[in-house]
C-alpha atoms as a PDB file:
ATOM      1  CA  UNK A   1     432.001 261.301 194.096  1.00  0.00           C
ATOM      2  CA  UNK A   2     431.015 258.150 195.978  1.00  0.00           C
ATOM      3  CA  UNK A   3     430.655 256.226 192.721  1.00  0.00           C
ATOM      4  CA  UNK A   4     434.164 257.234 191.671  1.00  0.00           C
ATOM      5  CA  UNK A   5     435.628 256.034 194.968  1.00  0.00           C
ATOM      6  CA  UNK A   6     433.764 252.729 194.694  1.00  0.00           C
ATOM      7  CA  UNK A   7     435.031 252.250 191.125  1.00  0.00           C
ATOM      8  CA  UNK A   8     438.577 253.040 192.305  1.00  0.00           C
ATOM      9  CA  UNK A   9     438.353 250.514 195.146  1.00  0.00           C
ATOM     10  CA  UNK A  10     436.903 247.869 192.818  1.00  0.00           C
ATOM     11  CA  UNK A  11     439.762 248.408 190.371  1.00  0.00           C
ATOM     12  CA  UNK A  12     442.343 248.136 193.159  1.00  0.00           C
ATOM     13  CA  UNK A  13     440.838 244.933 194.569  1.00  0.00           C
ATOM     14  CA  UNK A  14     440.596 243.524 191.035  1.00  0.00           C
ATOM     15  CA  UNK A  15     444.303 244.207 190.503  1.00  0.00           C
ATOM     16  CA  UNK A  16     445.123 242.353 193.729  1.00  0.00           C
ATOM     17  CA  UNK A  17     443.032 239.367 192.631  1.00  0.00           C
ATOM     18  CA  UNK A  18     444.674 239.269 189.204  1.00  0.00           C
ATOM     19  CA  UNK A  19     448.054 239.429 190.936  1.00  0.00           C
ATOM     20  CA  UNK A  20     447.180 236.240 192.802  1.00  0.00           C
ATOM     21  CA  UNK A  21     445.913 234.435 189.689  1.00  0.00           C
ATOM     22  CA  UNK A  22     448.306 235.372 186.861  1.00  0.00           C
ATOM     23  CA  UNK A  23     452.011 234.482 187.138  1.00  0.00           C
ATOM     24  CA  UNK A  24     454.175 237.488 186.297  1.00  0.00           C
ATOM     25  CA  UNK A  25     451.454 239.956 187.296  1.00  0.00           C
ATOM     26  CA  UNK A  26     452.428 241.229 190.721  1.00  0.00           C
ATOM     27  CA  UNK A  27     450.913 243.839 193.015  1.00  0.00           C
ATOM     28  CA  UNK A  28     452.942 244.482 196.165  1.00  0.00           C
ATOM     29  CA  UNK A  29     450.086 245.516 198.490  1.00  0.00           C
ATOM     30  CA  UNK A  30     446.748 247.311 198.631  1.00  0.00           C
ATOM     31  CA  UNK A  31     448.406 250.746 198.586  1.00  0.00           C
ATOM     32  CA  UNK A  32     450.254 249.823 195.402  1.00  0.00           C
ATOM     33  CA  UNK A  33     446.988 248.546 193.941  1.00  0.00           C
ATOM     34  CA  UNK A  34     445.279 251.867 194.704  1.00  0.00           C
ATOM     35  CA  UNK A  35     448.068 253.817 193.001  1.00  0.00           C
ATOM     36  CA  UNK A  36     448.165 251.408 190.053  1.00  0.00           C
ATOM     37  CA  UNK A  37     444.387 251.724 189.620  1.00  0.00           C
ATOM     38  CA  UNK A  38     444.718 255.512 189.331  1.00  0.00           C
ATOM     39  CA  UNK A  39     447.651 255.309 186.902  1.00  0.00           C
ATOM     40  CA  UNK A  40     445.939 252.665 184.751  1.00  0.00           C
ATOM     41  CA  UNK A  41     442.779 254.776 184.719  1.00  0.00           C
ATOM     42  CA  UNK A  42     444.711 257.856 183.597  1.00  0.00           C
ATOM     43  CA  UNK A  43     446.528 255.869 180.901  1.00  0.00           C
ATOM     44  CA  UNK A  44     443.215 254.415 179.685  1.00  0.00           C
ATOM     45  CA  UNK A  45     441.633 257.870 179.586  1.00  0.00           C
ATOM     46  CA  UNK A  46     444.474 259.433 177.590  1.00  0.00           C
ATOM     47  CA  UNK A  47     446.820 257.159 175.667  1.00  0.00           C
ATOM     48  CA  UNK A  48     444.375 254.251 175.654  1.00  0.00           C
ATOM     49  CA  UNK A  49     441.541 256.307 174.244  1.00  0.00           C
ATOM     50  CA  UNK A  50     443.792 257.660 171.486  1.00  0.00           C
ATOM     51  CA  UNK A  51     445.079 254.169 170.603  1.00  0.00           C
ATOM     52  CA  UNK A  52     441.582 252.705 170.573  1.00  0.00           C
ATOM     53  CA  UNK A  53     440.375 255.420 168.211  1.00  0.00           C
ATOM     54  CA  UNK A  54     443.212 255.056 165.702  1.00  0.00           C
ATOM     55  CA  UNK A  55     443.129 251.235 165.796  1.00  0.00           C
ATOM     56  CA  UNK A  56     439.344 250.988 165.541  1.00  0.00           C
ATOM     57  CA  UNK A  57     439.402 249.402 162.043  1.00  0.00           C
ATOM     58  CA  UNK A  58     441.809 246.688 163.233  1.00  0.00           C
ATOM     59  CA  UNK A  59     439.630 246.091 166.275  1.00  0.00           C
ATOM     60  CA  UNK A  60     436.611 245.609 164.018  1.00  0.00           C
ATOM     61  CA  UNK A  61     438.498 243.127 161.815  1.00  0.00           C
ATOM     62  CA  UNK A  62     439.683 241.123 164.836  1.00  0.00           C
ATOM     63  CA  UNK A  63     436.284 241.240 166.579  1.00  0.00           C
ATOM     64  CA  UNK A  64     437.744 243.226 169.469  1.00  0.00           C
ATOM     65  CA  UNK A  65     440.687 240.941 170.218  1.00  0.00           C
ATOM     66  CA  UNK A  66     443.095 243.723 169.280  1.00  0.00           C
ATOM     67  CA  UNK A  67     441.676 245.750 172.181  1.00  0.00           C
ATOM     68  CA  UNK A  68     443.116 243.113 174.522  1.00  0.00           C
ATOM     69  CA  UNK A  69     446.534 243.733 172.999  1.00  0.00           C
ATOM     70  CA  UNK A  70     446.139 247.475 173.567  1.00  0.00           C
ATOM     71  CA  UNK A  71     445.052 246.846 177.162  1.00  0.00           C
ATOM     72  CA  UNK A  72     448.035 244.538 177.693  1.00  0.00           C
ATOM     73  CA  UNK A  73     450.414 247.197 176.371  1.00  0.00           C
ATOM     74  CA  UNK A  74     448.854 249.794 178.662  1.00  0.00           C
ATOM     75  CA  UNK A  75     449.297 247.480 181.659  1.00  0.00           C
ATOM     76  CA  UNK A  76     452.950 247.035 180.695  1.00  0.00           C
ATOM     77  CA  UNK A  77     453.325 250.811 180.392  1.00  0.00           C
ATOM     78  CA  UNK A  78     451.773 251.349 183.829  1.00  0.00           C
ATOM     79  CA  UNK A  79     454.087 248.687 185.222  1.00  0.00           C
ATOM     80  CA  UNK A  80     457.100 250.564 183.866  1.00  0.00           C
ATOM     81  CA  UNK A  81     456.005 253.700 185.738  1.00  0.00           C
ATOM     82  CA  UNK A  82     455.309 252.108 189.131  1.00  0.00           C
ATOM     83  CA  UNK A  83     457.454 250.236 191.627  1.00  0.00           C
ATOM     84  CA  UNK A  84     454.759 248.251 193.476  1.00  0.00           C
ATOM     85  CA  UNK A  85     453.061 246.999 190.309  1.00  0.00           C
ATOM     86  CA  UNK A  86     455.024 244.653 188.052  1.00  0.00           C
ATOM     87  CA  UNK A  87     454.069 242.893 184.841  1.00  0.00           C
ATOM     88  CA  UNK A  88     456.962 240.727 183.667  1.00  0.00           C
ATOM     89  CA  UNK A  89     456.026 240.116 180.053  1.00  0.00           C
ATOM     90  CA  UNK A  90     453.481 240.450 177.291  1.00  0.00           C
ATOM     91  CA  UNK A  91     451.639 237.221 178.067  1.00  0.00           C
ATOM     92  CA  UNK A  92     451.293 238.101 181.743  1.00  0.00           C
ATOM     93  CA  UNK A  93     449.886 241.466 180.639  1.00  0.00           C
ATOM     94  CA  UNK A  94     447.617 239.870 178.017  1.00  0.00           C
ATOM     95  CA  UNK A  95     446.085 237.281 180.332  1.00  0.00           C
ATOM     96  CA  UNK A  96     446.093 239.824 183.148  1.00  0.00           C
ATOM     97  CA  UNK A  97     444.025 242.173 180.964  1.00  0.00           C
ATOM     98  CA  UNK A  98     441.494 239.409 180.312  1.00  0.00           C
ATOM     99  CA  UNK A  99     441.169 238.386 183.958  1.00  0.00           C
ATOM    100  CA  UNK A 100     441.143 242.035 185.078  1.00  0.00           C
ATOM    101  CA  UNK A 101     438.243 242.804 182.733  1.00  0.00           C
ATOM    102  CA  UNK A 102     436.263 239.791 183.957  1.00  0.00           C
ATOM    103  CA  UNK A 103     436.901 240.454 187.665  1.00  0.00           C
ATOM    104  CA  UNK A 104     436.090 244.164 187.256  1.00  0.00           C
ATOM    105  CA  UNK A 105     432.875 243.287 185.434  1.00  0.00           C
ATOM    106  CA  UNK A 106     431.823 240.836 188.161  1.00  0.00           C
ATOM    107  CA  UNK A 107     432.502 243.287 190.982  1.00  0.00           C
ATOM    108  CA  UNK A 108     430.791 246.167 189.193  1.00  0.00           C
ATOM    109  CA  UNK A 109     427.713 244.040 188.517  1.00  0.00           C
ATOM    110  CA  UNK A 110     427.542 243.077 192.199  1.00  0.00           C
ATOM    111  CA  UNK A 111     427.932 246.661 193.393  1.00  0.00           C
ATOM    112  CA  UNK A 112     425.678 248.030 190.662  1.00  0.00           C
ATOM    113  CA  UNK A 113     422.878 245.712 191.746  1.00  0.00           C
ATOM    114  CA  UNK A 114     422.765 247.324 195.194  1.00  0.00           C
ATOM    115  CA  UNK A 115     422.425 250.943 194.095  1.00  0.00           C
END
């Protein structure tokens, strides 16, 4: 349970950081980031998983770059569902997905090293 809460907090803080770095990627406040982290996680676990399975051959051919497109589309979908989380276009979502993955990875490696 504690690991899940830490992962949730890391995702929320990562969203806030991306919102400060990427133009067009906006997170209103920490509460909105917490909600967006849950919604993005649910989308990744359901729709995202399905899309990644059916587009696996394309992902192989593009050396995984197509996964960034899927992640960008999922961020745009989450943005359409939430009021405190806004992604204004595909490129904001695309670069946001890249930065989000990097920031998440950095935070998780820092936290993972302490356990």
